[in-house]
Structure formats: C-alpha cells, structure tokens
Amino acid sequence: MKQAIQKFRSVPSFRRSVVGITGAVVALAGTAAFADAVTDAQAALAVAQTGGESVGGSVVAVVCALAVVGVIIALVRKV
C-alpha cells in the first residue's frame, strides 16, 4: 500500500508545476496584450494632469481674489 501511495505522490507536484507554467505563460501573454493600453493610459494621464494644473491655477487665483475682496470690505467697514 505504501508503494502505491509513493507511486502517486509525484502527481500533485506535476500538477502544481503544470499550473505554475500555465500561469506564467498566461501572465506573460497578458502583459504583451495590454502594452498598448498602458501606453494610451499614460498619455491620457499626462493630458489630464496638464488640464488639472491649469484648473488648479484658476482656482487659486479666484480664492486669492476673494480673500483680497474680503480684506477690503473689512477695512471699509472699520472706517
């Protein structure tokens, strides 16, 4: 009985190696298939960053203008 068990003990390790090799091949194929998508995503992020920086500058300018107006109104009320 022990000999029969030892005879089939190599099956799980073979199964694990087949699953591992298959997983590695699928992962490698997946990265090659999505290479164009990664490039497109990086380009879109660069464009979005530029747009976000310009909007951020406008928001800072508006907040500064409102702060100046608030200070002027406070000074006029004291007089």
C-alpha atoms as a PDB file:
ATOM      1  CA  MET A   1       0.000   0.000   0.000  1.00  0.00           C
ATOM      2  CA  LYS A   2       2.820   2.398   0.841  1.00  0.00           C
ATOM      3  CA  GLN A   3       4.394   1.708  -2.522  1.00  0.00           C
ATOM      4  CA  ALA A   4       1.159   2.646  -4.273  1.00  0.00           C
ATOM      5  CA  ILE A   5       0.971   5.894  -2.320  1.00  0.00           C
ATOM      6  CA  GLN A   6       4.582   6.747  -3.145  1.00  0.00           C
ATOM      7  CA  LYS A   7       3.911   5.956  -6.772  1.00  0.00           C
ATOM      8  CA  PHE A   8       1.210   8.625  -6.992  1.00  0.00           C
ATOM      9  CA  ARG A   9       2.810  11.272  -4.794  1.00  0.00           C
ATOM     10  CA  SER A  10       4.523  12.838  -7.786  1.00  0.00           C
ATOM     11  CA  VAL A  11       1.149  13.643  -9.372  1.00  0.00           C
ATOM     12  CA  PRO A  12       0.373  16.709  -7.214  1.00  0.00           C
ATOM     13  CA  SER A  13       3.838  18.149  -7.778  1.00  0.00           C
ATOM     14  CA  PHE A  14       3.466  17.588 -11.520  1.00  0.00           C
ATOM     15  CA  ARG A  15       0.046  19.228 -11.392  1.00  0.00           C
ATOM     16  CA  ARG A  16       1.474  22.191  -9.494  1.00  0.00           C
ATOM     17  CA  SER A  17       4.277  22.613 -11.998  1.00  0.00           C
ATOM     18  CA  VAL A  18       1.829  22.484 -14.921  1.00  0.00           C
ATOM     19  CA  VAL A  19      -0.408  25.056 -13.246  1.00  0.00           C
ATOM     20  CA  GLY A  20       2.599  27.257 -12.499  1.00  0.00           C
ATOM     21  CA  ILE A  21       3.937  27.102 -16.037  1.00  0.00           C
ATOM     22  CA  THR A  22       0.486  27.772 -17.481  1.00  0.00           C
ATOM     23  CA  GLY A  23       0.025  30.737 -15.160  1.00  0.00           C
ATOM     24  CA  ALA A  24       3.388  32.187 -16.126  1.00  0.00           C
ATOM     25  CA  VAL A  25       2.642  31.841 -19.840  1.00  0.00           C
ATOM     26  CA  VAL A  26      -0.782  33.458 -19.441  1.00  0.00           C
ATOM     27  CA  ALA A  27       0.693  36.322 -17.412  1.00  0.00           C
ATOM     28  CA  LEU A  28       3.391  36.925 -19.997  1.00  0.00           C
ATOM     29  CA  ALA A  29       0.846  36.912 -22.816  1.00  0.00           C
ATOM     30  CA  GLY A  30      -1.401  39.248 -20.832  1.00  0.00           C
ATOM     31  CA  THR A  31       1.305  41.832 -20.328  1.00  0.00           C
ATOM     32  CA  ALA A  32       2.143  41.810 -24.018  1.00  0.00           C
ATOM     33  CA  ALA A  33      -1.514  42.191 -24.973  1.00  0.00           C
ATOM     34  CA  PHE A  34      -2.039  45.211 -22.718  1.00  0.00           C
ATOM     35  CA  ALA A  35       1.153  47.077 -23.640  1.00  0.00           C
ATOM     36  CA  ASP A  36      -0.766  49.392 -25.980  1.00  0.00           C
ATOM     37  CA  ALA A  37      -3.409  50.040 -23.334  1.00  0.00           C
ATOM     38  CA  VAL A  38      -0.730  51.056 -20.836  1.00  0.00           C
ATOM     39  CA  THR A  39       0.799  53.499 -23.322  1.00  0.00           C
ATOM     40  CA  ASP A  40      -2.612  55.013 -24.077  1.00  0.00           C
ATOM     41  CA  ALA A  41      -3.398  55.315 -20.368  1.00  0.00           C
ATOM     42  CA  GLN A  42      -0.106  57.086 -19.673  1.00  0.00           C
ATOM     43  CA  ALA A  43      -0.794  59.569 -22.471  1.00  0.00           C
ATOM     44  CA  ALA A  44      -4.310  60.219 -21.142  1.00  0.00           C
ATOM     45  CA  LEU A  45      -2.950  60.758 -17.626  1.00  0.00           C
ATOM     46  CA  ALA A  46      -0.416  63.285 -18.923  1.00  0.00           C
ATOM     47  CA  VAL A  47      -3.178  65.245 -20.673  1.00  0.00           C
ATOM     48  CA  ALA A  48      -5.385  65.103 -17.567  1.00  0.00           C
ATOM     49  CA  GLN A  49      -2.523  66.296 -15.373  1.00  0.00           C
ATOM     50  CA  THR A  50      -1.957  69.312 -17.611  1.00  0.00           C
ATOM     51  CA  GLY A  51      -5.668  70.147 -17.530  1.00  0.00           C
ATOM     52  CA  GLY A  52      -5.795  69.713 -13.764  1.00  0.00           C
ATOM     53  CA  GLU A  53      -2.851  72.038 -13.233  1.00  0.00           C
ATOM     54  CA  SER A  54      -4.461  74.784 -15.322  1.00  0.00           C
ATOM     55  CA  VAL A  55      -7.776  74.442 -13.450  1.00  0.00           C
ATOM     56  CA  GLY A  56      -5.915  74.409 -10.143  1.00  0.00           C
ATOM     57  CA  GLY A  57      -4.178  77.663 -11.030  1.00  0.00           C
ATOM     58  CA  SER A  58      -7.530  79.264 -11.817  1.00  0.00           C
ATOM     59  CA  VAL A  59      -8.993  78.094  -8.502  1.00  0.00           C
ATOM     60  CA  VAL A  60      -6.047  79.534  -6.575  1.00  0.00           C
ATOM     61  CA  ALA A  61      -6.415  82.861  -8.396  1.00  0.00           C
ATOM     62  CA  VAL A  62     -10.149  83.055  -7.594  1.00  0.00           C
ATOM     63  CA  VAL A  63      -9.576  82.217  -3.919  1.00  0.00           C
ATOM     64  CA  CYS A  64      -6.872  84.887  -3.664  1.00  0.00           C
ATOM     65  CA  ALA A  65      -9.155  87.438  -5.323  1.00  0.00           C
ATOM     66  CA  LEU A  66     -11.969  86.618  -2.880  1.00  0.00           C
ATOM     67  CA  ALA A  67      -9.565  86.946   0.051  1.00  0.00           C
ATOM     68  CA  VAL A  68      -8.448  90.383  -1.155  1.00  0.00           C
ATOM     69  CA  VAL A  69     -12.070  91.480  -1.604  1.00  0.00           C
ATOM     70  CA  GLY A  70     -12.852  90.243   1.914  1.00  0.00           C
ATOM     71  CA  VAL A  71      -9.946  92.217   3.378  1.00  0.00           C
ATOM     72  CA  ILE A  72     -11.020  95.367   1.503  1.00  0.00           C
ATOM     73  CA  ILE A  73     -14.617  95.008   2.723  1.00  0.00           C
ATOM     74  CA  ALA A  74     -13.379  94.508   6.305  1.00  0.00           C
ATOM     75  CA  LEU A  75     -11.233  97.663   6.064  1.00  0.00           C
ATOM     76  CA  VAL A  76     -14.114  99.711   4.633  1.00  0.00           C
ATOM     77  CA  ARG A  77     -16.457  98.598   7.448  1.00  0.00           C
ATOM     78  CA  LYS A  78     -13.982  99.716  10.120  1.00  0.00           C
ATOM     79  CA  VAL A  79     -13.782 103.234   8.659  1.00  0.00           C
END
